[in-house]
Amino acid sequence: MIEFHLNSRSGLSPYQQLVQQVRHALRLGLLHEGDRLPTVKDVAKQMAVNPNTVLKAYRELEHDGLVAARPGVGTFVTRTLADGTLAAHGPLRKDLQRWLTKARLAGLDDESIEALFMSTFRNAAGEDVA
């Protein structure tokens, strides 16, 4: 089952963070079709957010066709976002972990690592870098 976390520095609202985390879990094969999401009440309590925040996230996921609510039973994954590249994730994850270790040994903090990664990612994608 997915465990949610909020990052106050992410620039995303809490409901957007929940949606993003479910989408990432679906893309990485951590959630599968038929898996049950935590209840709205449990997520709201764990995250210290209004239950309407969680409902909004679950409704957006439902609108996108990723989950379906079954009244009185729960909210279930209806499709995944994982694709044929899932097998490549393991070796890439190891490479990324090695890179993160090097970045930390070089003295970069989490915010600096994220900034470096995102600017490099955008540059590689051909976007303007801030």
Protein backbone atom coordinates (compact mmCIF):
# COMPACT_ATOMS: atom_id res chain seq x y z
CA MET A 1 0.00 0.00 0.00
CA ILE A 2 1.19 3.51 -0.76
CA GLU A 3 2.37 5.80 2.03
CA PHE A 4 1.85 9.47 1.33
CA HIS A 5 4.11 12.30 2.43
CA LEU A 6 3.85 16.06 2.03
CA ASN A 7 6.66 18.43 1.17
CA SER A 8 5.92 22.03 2.09
CA ARG A 9 8.74 23.20 -0.21
CA SER A 10 7.48 21.39 -3.33
CA GLY A 11 5.42 24.30 -4.64
CA LEU A 12 2.47 21.95 -5.15
CA SER A 13 -0.72 21.98 -3.12
CA PRO A 14 -1.28 18.98 -0.83
CA TYR A 15 -3.95 17.51 -3.13
CA GLN A 16 -1.60 17.83 -6.14
CA GLN A 17 1.15 16.09 -4.20
CA LEU A 18 -1.18 13.18 -3.42
CA VAL A 19 -2.18 12.88 -7.08
CA GLN A 20 1.45 13.03 -8.17
CA GLN A 21 2.48 10.36 -5.67
CA VAL A 22 -0.22 7.96 -6.87
CA ARG A 23 0.74 8.63 -10.50
CA HIS A 24 4.41 7.97 -9.70
CA ALA A 25 3.54 4.75 -7.87
CA LEU A 26 1.47 3.62 -10.87
CA ARG A 27 4.27 4.51 -13.29
CA LEU A 28 6.93 2.72 -11.21
CA GLY A 29 4.84 -0.43 -10.77
CA LEU A 30 4.43 0.11 -7.02
CA LEU A 31 0.64 0.11 -7.36
CA HIS A 32 -1.20 -2.40 -9.51
CA GLU A 33 -4.68 -2.80 -10.88
CA GLY A 34 -6.97 -3.87 -8.05
CA ASP A 35 -4.84 -2.39 -5.26
CA ARG A 36 -6.78 -0.43 -2.66
CA LEU A 37 -5.73 3.10 -1.78
CA PRO A 38 -5.75 4.14 1.88
CA THR A 39 -9.08 5.48 3.07
CA VAL A 40 -9.73 9.21 2.89
CA LYS A 41 -10.05 9.27 6.67
CA ASP A 42 -6.71 7.49 7.20
CA VAL A 43 -4.82 9.74 4.76
CA ALA A 44 -6.36 12.90 6.21
CA LYS A 45 -5.38 11.83 9.72
CA GLN A 46 -1.86 10.71 8.74
CA MET A 47 -1.16 13.84 6.70
CA ALA A 48 -2.98 16.26 9.02
CA VAL A 49 -5.03 17.64 6.12
CA ASN A 50 -8.72 18.21 5.57
CA PRO A 51 -10.51 15.09 4.27
CA ASN A 52 -11.77 17.25 1.37
CA THR A 53 -8.14 17.58 0.22
CA VAL A 54 -7.83 13.82 -0.06
CA LEU A 55 -11.26 13.54 -1.68
CA LYS A 56 -10.24 16.10 -4.29
CA ALA A 57 -7.10 14.10 -5.12
CA TYR A 58 -9.01 10.82 -5.33
CA ARG A 59 -11.68 12.45 -7.53
CA GLU A 60 -9.03 13.74 -9.93
CA LEU A 61 -7.49 10.28 -10.13
CA GLU A 62 -10.94 8.85 -10.73
CA HIS A 63 -11.64 11.44 -13.44
CA ASP A 64 -8.36 10.38 -15.10
CA GLY A 65 -9.55 6.77 -15.08
CA LEU A 66 -6.82 5.58 -12.74
CA VAL A 67 -8.96 4.65 -9.74
CA ALA A 68 -12.58 3.89 -8.98
CA ALA A 69 -14.43 4.51 -5.74
CA ARG A 70 -16.65 1.72 -4.46
CA PRO A 71 -18.98 3.22 -1.83
CA GLY A 72 -18.54 1.56 1.51
CA VAL A 73 -15.60 -0.51 0.26
CA GLY A 74 -12.82 1.89 -0.76
CA THR A 75 -10.95 3.34 -3.71
CA PHE A 76 -9.21 0.91 -6.03
CA VAL A 77 -6.64 1.20 -8.82
CA THR A 78 -8.27 0.53 -12.18
CA ARG A 79 -5.22 0.82 -14.41
CA THR A 80 -1.48 1.26 -14.21
CA LEU A 81 0.87 3.68 -15.92
CA ALA A 82 3.82 1.26 -15.97
CA ASP A 83 5.06 0.37 -19.42
CA GLY A 84 7.69 -1.76 -21.12
CA THR A 85 10.50 0.35 -19.66
CA LEU A 86 9.86 -0.97 -16.14
CA ALA A 87 12.66 -3.56 -16.50
CA ALA A 88 15.19 -0.76 -17.05
CA HIS A 89 14.28 0.94 -13.78
CA GLY A 90 16.47 -1.28 -11.56
CA PRO A 91 19.83 -0.53 -13.21
CA LEU A 92 18.91 3.14 -13.68
CA ARG A 93 17.91 3.41 -10.02
CA LYS A 94 21.31 1.99 -8.99
CA ASP A 95 23.10 4.51 -11.23
CA LEU A 96 21.02 7.32 -9.75
CA GLN A 97 21.74 6.14 -6.19
CA ARG A 98 25.48 6.20 -6.97
CA TRP A 99 25.11 9.71 -8.40
CA LEU A 100 23.22 10.86 -5.29
CA THR A 101 25.96 9.45 -3.08
CA LYS A 102 28.58 11.38 -5.08
CA ALA A 103 26.51 14.57 -4.87
CA ARG A 104 26.21 14.25 -1.09
CA LEU A 105 29.93 13.50 -0.74
CA ALA A 106 30.56 16.67 -2.75
CA GLY A 107 28.66 18.57 -0.05
CA LEU A 108 25.35 19.19 -1.85
CA ASP A 109 22.23 19.35 0.32
CA ASP A 110 18.84 18.02 -0.83
CA GLU A 111 17.72 21.37 -2.24
CA SER A 112 20.96 21.78 -4.22
CA ILE A 113 20.72 18.22 -5.54
CA GLU A 114 17.14 18.81 -6.65
CA ALA A 115 18.05 22.12 -8.33
CA LEU A 116 20.99 20.53 -10.16
CA PHE A 117 18.90 17.56 -11.27
CA MET A 118 15.96 19.66 -12.46
CA SER A 119 18.13 22.15 -14.38
CA THR A 120 20.00 19.27 -16.05
CA PHE A 121 16.73 17.48 -16.78
CA ARG A 122 15.20 20.59 -18.35
CA ASN A 123 18.36 21.28 -20.33
CA ALA A 124 18.37 17.72 -21.69
CA ALA A 125 14.69 18.11 -22.60
CA GLY A 126 15.48 21.32 -24.50
CA GLU A 127 13.67 23.65 -22.10
CA ASP A 128 14.96 27.02 -20.96
CA VAL A 129 16.91 26.69 -17.74
CA ALA A 130 16.30 29.25 -15.00
